[in-house]
Protein backbone atom coordinates (compact mmCIF):
# COMPACT_ATOMS: atom_id res chain seq x y z
CA UNK A 1 34.85 5.72 5.45
CA UNK A 2 37.20 3.83 3.01
CA UNK A 3 36.00 0.92 1.32
CA UNK A 4 36.76 -2.63 2.44
CA UNK A 5 39.41 -4.62 0.57
CA UNK A 6 39.06 -8.48 1.82
CA UNK A 7 42.82 -9.12 0.32
CA UNK A 8 43.91 -6.15 2.93
CA UNK A 9 41.58 -5.87 5.45
CA UNK A 10 40.09 -7.70 8.65
CA UNK A 11 36.78 -6.96 9.83
CA UNK A 12 34.56 -7.57 12.82
CA UNK A 13 31.07 -6.57 13.44
CA UNK A 14 28.59 -6.76 16.47
CA UNK A 15 25.54 -5.36 17.78
CA UNK A 16 26.04 -4.14 21.22
CA UNK A 17 23.30 -3.34 23.65
CA UNK A 18 24.13 -0.08 24.75
CA UNK A 19 24.20 3.35 23.27
CA UNK A 20 27.11 4.95 21.27
CA UNK A 21 27.99 7.13 24.02
CA UNK A 22 28.91 4.45 26.45
CA UNK A 23 30.90 3.02 23.71
CA UNK A 24 32.55 5.90 23.31
CA UNK A 25 33.32 6.67 26.68
CA UNK A 26 34.82 3.00 26.86
CA UNK A 27 37.06 3.71 24.13
CA UNK A 28 38.26 7.47 25.28
CA UNK A 29 38.27 7.30 29.07
CA UNK A 30 41.45 5.45 30.20
CA UNK A 31 39.92 3.69 33.25
CA UNK A 32 37.65 2.21 30.94
CA UNK A 33 39.49 1.28 28.21
CA UNK A 34 42.02 -0.44 30.49
CA UNK A 35 39.33 -2.80 31.68
CA UNK A 36 38.79 -4.63 28.10
CA UNK A 37 41.66 -3.40 25.82
CA UNK A 38 43.66 -6.71 26.06
CA UNK A 39 42.37 -10.37 26.34
CA UNK A 40 41.99 -11.51 29.98
CA UNK A 41 43.28 -12.50 32.01
CA UNK A 42 46.23 -10.13 30.77
CA UNK A 43 45.73 -6.87 32.10
CA UNK A 44 46.21 -3.50 30.43
CA UNK A 45 47.44 -0.16 31.36
CA UNK A 46 46.73 3.06 29.45
CA UNK A 47 49.94 5.17 29.50
CA UNK A 48 48.73 7.92 27.02
CA UNK A 49 45.32 8.42 25.49
CA UNK A 50 45.11 11.72 23.77
CA UNK A 51 41.66 11.42 21.89
CA UNK A 52 42.21 13.96 18.83
CA UNK A 53 43.76 13.57 15.44
CA UNK A 54 47.55 13.42 16.12
CA UNK A 55 47.05 12.65 19.61
CA UNK A 56 49.14 9.50 21.15
CA UNK A 57 47.39 6.15 22.18
CA UNK A 58 49.80 4.10 24.23
CA UNK A 59 49.15 1.18 26.24
CA UNK A 60 51.18 -1.58 28.07
CA UNK A 61 50.13 -5.13 28.99
CA UNK A 62 50.94 -7.53 32.04
CA UNK A 63 50.22 -10.97 32.92
CA UNK A 64 50.91 -10.60 36.45
CA UNK A 65 49.70 -7.20 37.12
CA UNK A 66 53.45 -6.05 38.01
CA UNK A 67 55.84 -6.09 35.02
CA UNK A 68 54.33 -4.41 31.99
CA UNK A 69 55.58 -4.74 28.57
CA UNK A 70 54.51 -2.34 25.55
CA UNK A 71 51.42 -3.03 23.81
CA UNK A 72 50.12 -0.37 21.63
CA UNK A 73 52.21 2.84 20.45
CA UNK A 74 50.09 4.48 18.07
CA UNK A 75 48.48 7.95 16.94
CA UNK A 76 44.66 8.85 16.25
CA UNK A 77 44.16 9.83 12.82
CA UNK A 78 40.29 10.51 13.04
CA UNK A 79 38.13 11.35 15.83
CA UNK A 80 34.39 11.99 15.34
CA UNK A 81 32.85 11.79 18.76
CA UNK A 82 30.38 8.84 19.21
CA UNK A 83 30.76 7.98 15.67
CA UNK A 84 34.36 7.09 14.53
CA UNK A 85 37.96 6.54 15.73
CA UNK A 86 40.77 5.76 13.59
CA UNK A 87 44.31 5.00 14.67
CA UNK A 88 47.52 3.43 13.44
CA UNK A 89 50.55 1.92 14.77
CA UNK A 90 52.49 2.71 11.58
CA UNK A 91 53.52 6.15 13.25
CA UNK A 92 54.35 6.13 16.93
CA UNK A 93 53.13 8.35 19.49
CA UNK A 94 56.33 10.61 19.21
CA UNK A 95 55.02 10.90 15.49
CA UNK A 96 58.24 8.74 14.26
CA UNK A 97 57.68 6.05 11.35
CA UNK A 98 57.27 2.56 13.10
CA UNK A 99 57.75 -0.93 12.53
CA UNK A 100 55.47 -2.40 15.05
CA UNK A 101 55.24 -6.09 15.83
CA UNK A 102 53.49 -8.19 14.82
CA UNK A 103 52.09 -6.06 11.94
CA UNK A 104 51.59 -2.47 10.97
CA UNK A 105 47.97 -1.62 10.70
CA UNK A 106 45.37 1.25 10.68
CA UNK A 107 42.21 0.30 12.78
CA UNK A 108 39.05 2.07 12.02
CA UNK A 109 35.86 1.82 14.87
CA UNK A 110 32.79 2.92 13.74
CA UNK A 111 29.49 3.18 15.73
CA UNK A 112 26.08 3.61 14.37
CA UNK A 113 22.66 3.46 15.60
CA UNK A 114 20.88 0.31 15.67
CA UNK A 115 17.40 -0.49 16.99
CA UNK A 116 18.74 -2.47 19.89
CA UNK A 117 21.63 -0.42 20.60
CA UNK A 118 24.87 0.09 18.57
CA UNK A 119 26.05 -1.36 15.28
CA UNK A 120 30.01 -1.83 16.42
CA UNK A 121 32.24 -2.27 13.52
CA UNK A 122 36.05 -2.60 13.09
CA UNK A 123 38.05 -2.69 10.11
CA UNK A 124 41.66 -3.30 10.47
CA UNK A 125 43.99 -2.35 7.46
CA UNK A 126 47.06 -3.73 6.42
CA UNK A 127 49.59 -2.43 3.74
CA UNK A 128 49.84 -6.08 1.95
CA UNK A 129 47.95 -9.32 1.76
CA UNK A 130 51.10 -11.01 3.81
CA UNK A 131 50.71 -8.71 6.77
CA UNK A 132 46.75 -9.24 6.55
CA UNK A 133 47.07 -13.02 6.44
CA UNK A 134 49.78 -12.89 9.08
CA UNK A 135 47.72 -10.79 11.35
CA UNK A 136 44.65 -13.23 10.82
CA UNK A 137 46.94 -16.31 11.56
CA UNK A 138 48.18 -14.77 14.71
CA UNK A 139 44.54 -14.78 15.96
CA UNK A 140 43.06 -11.52 14.93
CA UNK A 141 39.53 -12.82 15.28
CA UNK A 142 39.95 -14.55 18.51
CA UNK A 143 41.86 -11.40 19.98
CA UNK A 144 39.75 -8.70 18.77
CA UNK A 145 36.66 -10.71 19.18
CA UNK A 146 37.47 -11.33 22.96
CA UNK A 147 38.08 -7.86 23.64
CA UNK A 148 35.07 -6.63 21.87
CA UNK A 149 33.07 -9.09 23.90
CA UNK A 150 34.70 -7.79 27.20
CA UNK A 151 33.96 -4.28 25.96
CA UNK A 152 30.37 -5.36 25.33
CA UNK A 153 30.11 -6.84 28.52
CA UNK A 154 31.46 -3.75 30.36
CA UNK A 155 29.14 -1.12 28.56
CA UNK A 156 25.94 -3.55 28.54
CA UNK A 157 26.50 -4.03 32.08
CA UNK A 158 26.72 -0.18 32.73
CA UNK A 159 23.28 0.27 31.17
CA UNK A 160 21.71 -2.11 33.54
CA UNK A 161 23.03 -0.27 36.78
């Protein structure tokens, strides 16, 4: 894990009352990922999910469930089962340099054991302070916070059934 630079990075941490394996499945199984990957009421479609270093991660989103627009076109850099996922949209799923909107970023998701479930951490890294600040102003905490809450609801509900 790389250190956090508050001038370049945005972070989110939450304890989720579910085992790491449930969270890993929610990140790596398309039918689960599409249930929480974008803030409701928008819906996600997972177009490609090749969870291995260099594998593509492509999703689309729709406000009406019919007309989908691109959402994520990225590649995985690191995949450590039930422990860590790192992906970037600075390189697209065709392995071409990208200039994604609204900002280029690298996201690191880490899962660690917690006495009550899983310590879930997200670090989103940016190339410069201006893009970090832009991402925050565009609603990083609301967006990533709401999808993390949806992820927690999905996996915590899964554990009670």
